[in-house]
């Protein structure tokens, strides 16, 4: 495993990172024992960055992750979680108020069984953009609450996440320098969409560390095809399906190529994948350490064609 500096945080994170959303059974039913072992395999393989959220599985992912971390020394992992997006009894809720953000941090620490969070993020800021106060509320209320916790030593660093890169940029532009220390972007540095590349200079100019997520583009880049709930337009789904079929004909799983491609940009500190299957975790680690087939990347992107950089609204 190789490691990179995350902006100016002083944190050195693994290039391949573990996303704990699957531990919340957000994609399909999972077994707790498998989920715990998946975390252990990740740590054993050199992965030291774990990302989670109270939203994943309506608190389940944090709870299961907390059980997995009980027997792992605290210095073996860097932990990231979030505030702002939640769920109760299967219903999604959003609350970006300062009071809720502060309470959420302590609730997450209790579920996770820790007394310090390395990075706390405002989760999917675009949803606050649809609420009273818009993104300005994230700047004026949510982030200052998290910065106060940083100053108190409860959290180490503050970040923001979103699908829409323009929202991440807007928030950073409207904050004081140093408030936002990292960004987590998903589905924008993968075989079918490399829009994140256009923003790397901006984030670096503001000394913001960059974390990429979902190398499989939420399942678009998979041999079994995108899940039925995937919000991508049909033309993009079909293009990715053709690309996956071509990779299969070459005896090179598109999942392997997708993981390798997402890890290929050195200015991105780490890339998150998620799995509650220990065998899948081990396989991703092996793929990350194998050389990439550049010619196959070219051919796959040619097949995707004019559907590259086609995106969708978060849901």
Protein backbone atom coordinates (compact mmCIF):
# COMPACT_ATOMS: atom_id res chain seq x y z
CA UNK A 1 0.00 0.00 0.00
CA UNK A 2 1.20 3.50 -0.80
CA UNK A 3 0.26 6.64 1.14
CA UNK A 4 -0.26 10.32 0.32
CA UNK A 5 -0.48 13.58 2.21
CA UNK A 6 -4.04 14.87 2.52
CA UNK A 7 -3.72 18.57 1.78
CA UNK A 8 -2.30 20.48 4.73
CA UNK A 9 -3.86 18.22 7.38
CA UNK A 10 -0.62 16.40 8.14
CA UNK A 11 -2.48 13.11 7.65
CA UNK A 12 -0.91 10.44 5.43
CA UNK A 13 -3.72 8.31 4.08
CA UNK A 14 -3.65 5.11 2.05
CA UNK A 15 -4.19 5.57 -1.67
CA UNK A 16 -6.93 2.92 -1.44
CA UNK A 17 -9.42 3.76 1.31
CA UNK A 18 -12.29 1.89 2.91
CA UNK A 19 -15.81 3.27 2.65
CA UNK A 20 -18.07 1.80 5.32
CA UNK A 21 -21.42 2.49 3.65
CA UNK A 22 -21.82 -1.20 2.80
CA UNK A 23 -21.70 -2.02 6.52
CA UNK A 24 -25.08 -0.29 6.74
CA UNK A 25 -26.61 -2.75 4.25
CA UNK A 26 -27.38 0.17 1.94
CA UNK A 27 -26.90 -1.89 -1.24
CA UNK A 28 -28.05 -5.34 -0.10
CA UNK A 29 -28.38 -7.43 3.04
CA UNK A 30 -25.08 -8.06 4.85
CA UNK A 31 -23.87 -10.26 7.67
CA UNK A 32 -22.36 -8.48 10.64
CA UNK A 33 -19.55 -11.01 11.01
CA UNK A 34 -18.56 -10.51 7.35
CA UNK A 35 -18.67 -6.73 7.75
CA UNK A 36 -16.37 -6.85 10.76
CA UNK A 37 -13.96 -9.15 8.97
CA UNK A 38 -14.00 -6.84 5.91
CA UNK A 39 -12.74 -3.99 8.09
CA UNK A 40 -10.04 -6.22 9.55
CA UNK A 41 -8.88 -7.33 6.09
CA UNK A 42 -8.70 -3.69 5.00
CA UNK A 43 -6.48 -2.76 7.95
CA UNK A 44 -4.33 -5.87 7.48
CA UNK A 45 -3.86 -4.90 3.83
CA UNK A 46 -2.48 -1.48 4.72
CA UNK A 47 -5.63 0.60 4.33
CA UNK A 48 -5.62 3.23 7.07
CA UNK A 49 -8.45 5.57 6.05
CA UNK A 50 -12.06 4.66 6.86
CA UNK A 51 -15.05 6.82 5.96
CA UNK A 52 -18.57 6.43 7.34
CA UNK A 53 -21.70 8.46 8.07
CA UNK A 54 -24.71 8.27 10.40
CA UNK A 55 -26.80 8.31 7.23
CA UNK A 56 -25.54 4.95 5.95
CA UNK A 57 -28.10 2.36 6.91
CA UNK A 58 -29.73 4.87 9.27
CA UNK A 59 -26.91 4.62 11.87
CA UNK A 60 -26.22 0.93 11.22
CA UNK A 61 -22.90 1.47 9.41
CA UNK A 62 -21.44 3.46 12.30
CA UNK A 63 -22.70 0.91 14.81
CA UNK A 64 -21.24 -2.08 12.98
CA UNK A 65 -18.00 -0.22 12.28
CA UNK A 66 -17.74 0.58 15.98
CA UNK A 67 -17.87 -3.14 16.76
CA UNK A 68 -15.17 -3.82 14.17
CA UNK A 69 -12.88 -1.15 15.61
CA UNK A 70 -12.99 -2.49 19.16
CA UNK A 71 -10.04 -4.79 18.59
CA UNK A 72 -8.09 -2.51 16.26
CA UNK A 73 -5.52 -0.12 17.80
CA UNK A 74 -6.56 3.51 17.36
CA UNK A 75 -3.28 4.43 15.68
CA UNK A 76 -3.98 1.95 12.87
CA UNK A 77 -6.74 4.00 11.27
CA UNK A 78 -7.80 7.53 10.36
CA UNK A 79 -11.56 7.93 10.73
CA UNK A 80 -13.88 10.22 8.82
CA UNK A 81 -17.60 10.64 9.45
CA UNK A 82 -20.25 13.24 8.68
CA UNK A 83 -23.04 15.52 9.85
CA UNK A 84 -26.11 16.95 8.14
CA UNK A 85 -27.75 13.93 6.51
CA UNK A 86 -29.60 11.33 8.57
CA UNK A 87 -32.39 8.79 8.51
CA UNK A 88 -34.90 7.33 10.90
CA UNK A 89 -37.30 4.43 10.27
CA UNK A 90 -36.37 4.42 6.60
CA UNK A 91 -37.07 8.14 6.12
CA UNK A 92 -34.29 10.51 5.02
CA UNK A 93 -33.84 13.71 6.99
CA UNK A 94 -31.50 16.68 6.70
CA UNK A 95 -30.45 19.09 9.42
CA UNK A 96 -27.45 21.38 8.94
CA UNK A 97 -28.03 23.50 12.04
CA UNK A 98 -25.11 24.17 14.37
CA UNK A 99 -26.81 22.49 17.32
CA UNK A 100 -27.59 19.33 15.36
CA UNK A 101 -24.09 19.19 13.90
CA UNK A 102 -22.51 19.40 17.32
CA UNK A 103 -24.82 16.80 18.82
CA UNK A 104 -24.28 14.53 15.82
CA UNK A 105 -20.53 14.43 16.39
CA UNK A 106 -20.93 13.15 19.94
CA UNK A 107 -23.58 10.65 18.86
CA UNK A 108 -21.24 9.30 16.17
CA UNK A 109 -18.39 8.95 18.65
CA UNK A 110 -20.63 6.94 20.94
CA UNK A 111 -21.71 4.58 18.15
CA UNK A 112 -18.13 4.23 16.95
CA UNK A 113 -16.70 3.72 20.42
CA UNK A 114 -14.07 6.44 20.04
CA UNK A 115 -13.32 9.76 21.72
CA UNK A 116 -11.81 11.60 18.75
CA UNK A 117 -12.78 11.96 15.07
CA UNK A 118 -9.95 12.63 12.64
CA UNK A 119 -12.10 14.30 9.96
CA UNK A 120 -15.67 15.53 10.30
CA UNK A 121 -17.50 16.38 7.09
CA UNK A 122 -20.66 18.24 6.17
CA UNK A 123 -22.49 15.51 4.24
CA UNK A 124 -23.83 16.23 0.73
CA UNK A 125 -24.02 20.00 0.99
CA UNK A 126 -26.29 20.19 -2.06
CA UNK A 127 -29.27 19.16 0.07
CA UNK A 128 -28.84 22.25 2.24
CA UNK A 129 -28.82 24.14 -1.05
CA UNK A 130 -32.47 23.13 -1.38
CA UNK A 131 -33.34 24.17 2.18
CA UNK A 132 -33.91 27.64 3.69
CA UNK A 133 -30.63 29.53 3.83
CA UNK A 134 -29.11 27.50 0.99
CA UNK A 135 -25.40 26.76 0.87
CA UNK A 136 -24.77 29.98 2.78
CA UNK A 137 -26.08 28.23 5.89
CA UNK A 138 -23.30 25.66 5.58
CA UNK A 139 -20.81 28.54 5.54
CA UNK A 140 -22.45 30.58 8.31
CA UNK A 141 -23.63 27.86 10.69
CA UNK A 142 -22.62 24.26 10.00
CA UNK A 143 -18.93 24.78 9.35
CA UNK A 144 -18.37 27.21 12.26
CA UNK A 145 -19.86 24.61 14.62
CA UNK A 146 -17.39 22.03 13.35
CA UNK A 147 -14.48 24.46 13.49
CA UNK A 148 -15.35 25.11 17.14
CA UNK A 149 -15.12 21.37 17.80
CA UNK A 150 -11.78 21.37 16.01
CA UNK A 151 -10.53 24.13 18.29
CA UNK A 152 -11.77 22.15 21.30
CA UNK A 153 -9.82 19.09 20.15
CA UNK A 154 -12.90 16.92 19.68
CA UNK A 155 -12.23 16.56 15.94
CA UNK A 156 -9.00 16.92 14.05
CA UNK A 157 -10.02 18.37 10.71
CA UNK A 158 -13.07 19.69 8.84
CA UNK A 159 -14.26 18.80 5.36
CA UNK A 160 -17.24 18.83 3.02
CA UNK A 161 -18.72 16.23 0.65
CA UNK A 162 -21.00 16.39 -2.37
CA UNK A 163 -21.72 14.86 -5.75
CA UNK A 164 -21.77 18.28 -7.43
CA UNK A 165 -18.23 19.65 -7.64
CA UNK A 166 -19.47 23.18 -8.22
CA UNK A 167 -21.03 23.13 -4.74
CA UNK A 168 -17.73 22.14 -3.12
CA UNK A 169 -16.03 25.01 -4.92
CA UNK A 170 -18.75 27.50 -3.93
CA UNK A 171 -18.49 26.66 -0.24
CA UNK A 172 -14.69 26.94 -0.25
CA UNK A 173 -14.85 30.28 -2.08
CA UNK A 174 -17.24 31.68 0.54
CA UNK A 175 -15.32 30.46 3.60
CA UNK A 176 -12.24 31.83 5.27
CA UNK A 177 -9.07 30.09 4.16
CA UNK A 178 -8.40 26.98 6.22
CA UNK A 179 -11.98 26.34 7.32
CA UNK A 180 -12.40 23.53 4.79
CA UNK A 181 -9.38 21.23 4.90
CA UNK A 182 -10.59 18.38 2.69
CA UNK A 183 -13.23 17.50 0.14
CA UNK A 184 -14.81 14.15 -0.63
CA UNK A 185 -16.11 13.88 -4.18
CA UNK A 186 -17.76 10.79 -5.61
CA UNK A 187 -18.35 9.45 -9.12
CA UNK A 188 -16.19 12.16 -10.70
CA UNK A 189 -12.86 10.43 -11.12
CA UNK A 190 -13.73 7.13 -12.71
CA UNK A 191 -13.63 5.62 -16.19
CA UNK A 192 -16.85 7.29 -17.28
CA UNK A 193 -16.39 10.68 -15.60
CA UNK A 194 -13.13 12.52 -14.82
CA UNK A 195 -14.59 15.96 -14.12
CA UNK A 196 -12.71 16.11 -10.81
CA UNK A 197 -9.53 16.67 -12.84
CA UNK A 198 -10.83 20.14 -13.74
CA UNK A 199 -10.95 21.10 -10.04
CA UNK A 200 -7.61 19.76 -8.82
CA UNK A 201 -5.79 23.06 -9.32
CA UNK A 202 -8.49 24.95 -7.43
CA UNK A 203 -8.42 22.61 -4.44
CA UNK A 204 -4.64 22.62 -4.33
CA UNK A 205 -4.52 26.42 -4.49
CA UNK A 206 -6.68 26.47 -1.37
CA UNK A 207 -4.59 23.73 0.31
CA UNK A 208 -7.59 21.42 0.39
CA UNK A 209 -6.94 17.67 0.43
CA UNK A 210 -8.82 15.60 -2.15
CA UNK A 211 -10.56 12.27 -1.57
CA UNK A 212 -12.27 10.44 -4.42
CA UNK A 213 -15.02 7.88 -3.91
CA UNK A 214 -16.91 5.23 -5.84
CA UNK A 215 -14.47 4.04 -8.52
CA UNK A 216 -17.26 1.83 -9.89
CA UNK A 217 -19.52 4.88 -10.25
CA UNK A 218 -22.10 3.41 -7.85
CA UNK A 219 -22.17 0.17 -9.82
CA UNK A 220 -22.28 1.51 -13.37
CA UNK A 221 -18.83 0.05 -13.99
CA UNK A 222 -19.55 -3.52 -13.01
CA UNK A 223 -19.88 -6.86 -14.74
CA UNK A 224 -23.37 -7.42 -13.35
CA UNK A 225 -24.55 -3.99 -14.46
CA UNK A 226 -25.93 -0.96 -12.64
CA UNK A 227 -28.49 -1.62 -9.88
CA UNK A 228 -32.10 -0.81 -10.71
CA UNK A 229 -32.10 2.20 -8.36
CA UNK A 230 -29.14 3.87 -10.07
CA UNK A 231 -30.05 7.45 -11.08
CA UNK A 232 -27.91 7.53 -14.24
CA UNK A 233 -29.73 8.15 -17.54
CA UNK A 234 -30.38 5.11 -19.71
CA UNK A 235 -27.87 6.04 -22.43
CA UNK A 236 -25.05 6.16 -19.87
CA UNK A 237 -26.13 2.86 -18.34
CA UNK A 238 -26.08 1.22 -21.76
CA UNK A 239 -22.67 2.68 -22.65
CA UNK A 240 -21.14 1.39 -19.41
CA UNK A 241 -22.76 -2.00 -20.00
CA UNK A 242 -21.08 -2.21 -23.42
CA UNK A 243 -17.76 -1.25 -21.85
CA UNK A 244 -18.14 -3.93 -19.18
CA UNK A 245 -18.93 -6.55 -21.81
CA UNK A 246 -15.84 -5.59 -23.79
CA UNK A 247 -13.63 -5.91 -20.70
CA UNK A 248 -15.14 -9.32 -20.04
CA UNK A 249 -14.22 -10.41 -23.56
CA UNK A 250 -10.61 -9.39 -22.83
CA UNK A 251 -10.58 -11.40 -19.61
CA UNK A 252 -10.06 -8.22 -17.60
CA UNK A 253 -12.95 -7.38 -15.21
CA UNK A 254 -14.10 -3.80 -15.61
CA UNK A 255 -14.14 -3.53 -11.81
CA UNK A 256 -10.38 -4.08 -11.74
CA UNK A 257 -9.76 -1.49 -14.45
CA UNK A 258 -12.08 0.98 -12.72
CA UNK A 259 -10.28 0.71 -9.38
CA UNK A 260 -6.88 1.06 -11.03
CA UNK A 261 -7.98 4.07 -13.08
CA UNK A 262 -9.36 5.90 -10.04
CA UNK A 263 -6.03 5.40 -8.28
CA UNK A 264 -3.99 6.65 -11.22
CA UNK A 265 -4.14 10.40 -10.49
CA UNK A 266 -1.33 11.22 -8.01
CA UNK A 267 -2.89 14.51 -6.91
CA UNK A 268 -5.89 12.67 -5.45
CA UNK A 269 -4.79 11.57 -1.98
CA UNK A 270 -7.08 8.55 -1.67
CA UNK A 271 -9.95 6.71 -3.33
CA UNK A 272 -12.75 5.08 -1.34
CA UNK A 273 -14.40 1.80 -2.26
CA UNK A 274 -17.02 0.03 -0.19
CA UNK A 275 -17.64 -3.65 0.45
CA UNK A 276 -18.85 -5.76 3.35
CA UNK A 277 -17.33 -8.86 1.74
CA UNK A 278 -13.81 -9.68 3.03
CA UNK A 279 -12.90 -11.41 -0.25
CA UNK A 280 -13.86 -8.33 -2.25
CA UNK A 281 -11.76 -6.15 0.03
CA UNK A 282 -8.73 -8.39 -0.48
CA UNK A 283 -9.31 -8.41 -4.23
CA UNK A 284 -9.47 -4.61 -4.38
CA UNK A 285 -6.16 -4.37 -2.52
CA UNK A 286 -4.57 -6.77 -5.01
CA UNK A 287 -5.98 -4.81 -7.95
CA UNK A 288 -4.66 -1.57 -6.50
CA UNK A 289 -1.15 -2.99 -6.49
CA UNK A 290 -1.27 -4.36 -10.06
CA UNK A 291 -0.20 -2.40 -13.18
CA UNK A 292 -2.97 -0.79 -15.20
CA UNK A 293 -3.65 -1.60 -18.87
CA UNK A 294 -3.57 1.88 -20.43
CA UNK A 295 -4.68 0.64 -23.84
CA UNK A 296 -7.76 -0.97 -22.29
CA UNK A 297 -8.55 2.31 -20.52
CA UNK A 298 -8.43 4.09 -23.88
CA UNK A 299 -10.72 1.53 -25.49
CA UNK A 300 -13.24 1.57 -22.64
CA UNK A 301 -13.47 5.35 -22.68
CA UNK A 302 -13.89 5.21 -26.46
CA UNK A 303 -16.82 2.81 -25.99
CA UNK A 304 -18.44 5.10 -23.40
CA UNK A 305 -17.96 7.88 -25.93
CA UNK A 306 -20.24 10.91 -25.66
CA UNK A 307 -21.67 9.62 -22.37
CA UNK A 308 -18.44 10.48 -20.57
CA UNK A 309 -19.01 13.15 -17.91
CA UNK A 310 -22.76 12.66 -18.07
CA UNK A 311 -23.91 12.94 -14.46
CA UNK A 312 -27.12 12.99 -12.43
CA UNK A 313 -28.64 14.62 -9.38
CA UNK A 314 -27.93 13.16 -5.97
CA UNK A 315 -30.77 11.28 -4.30
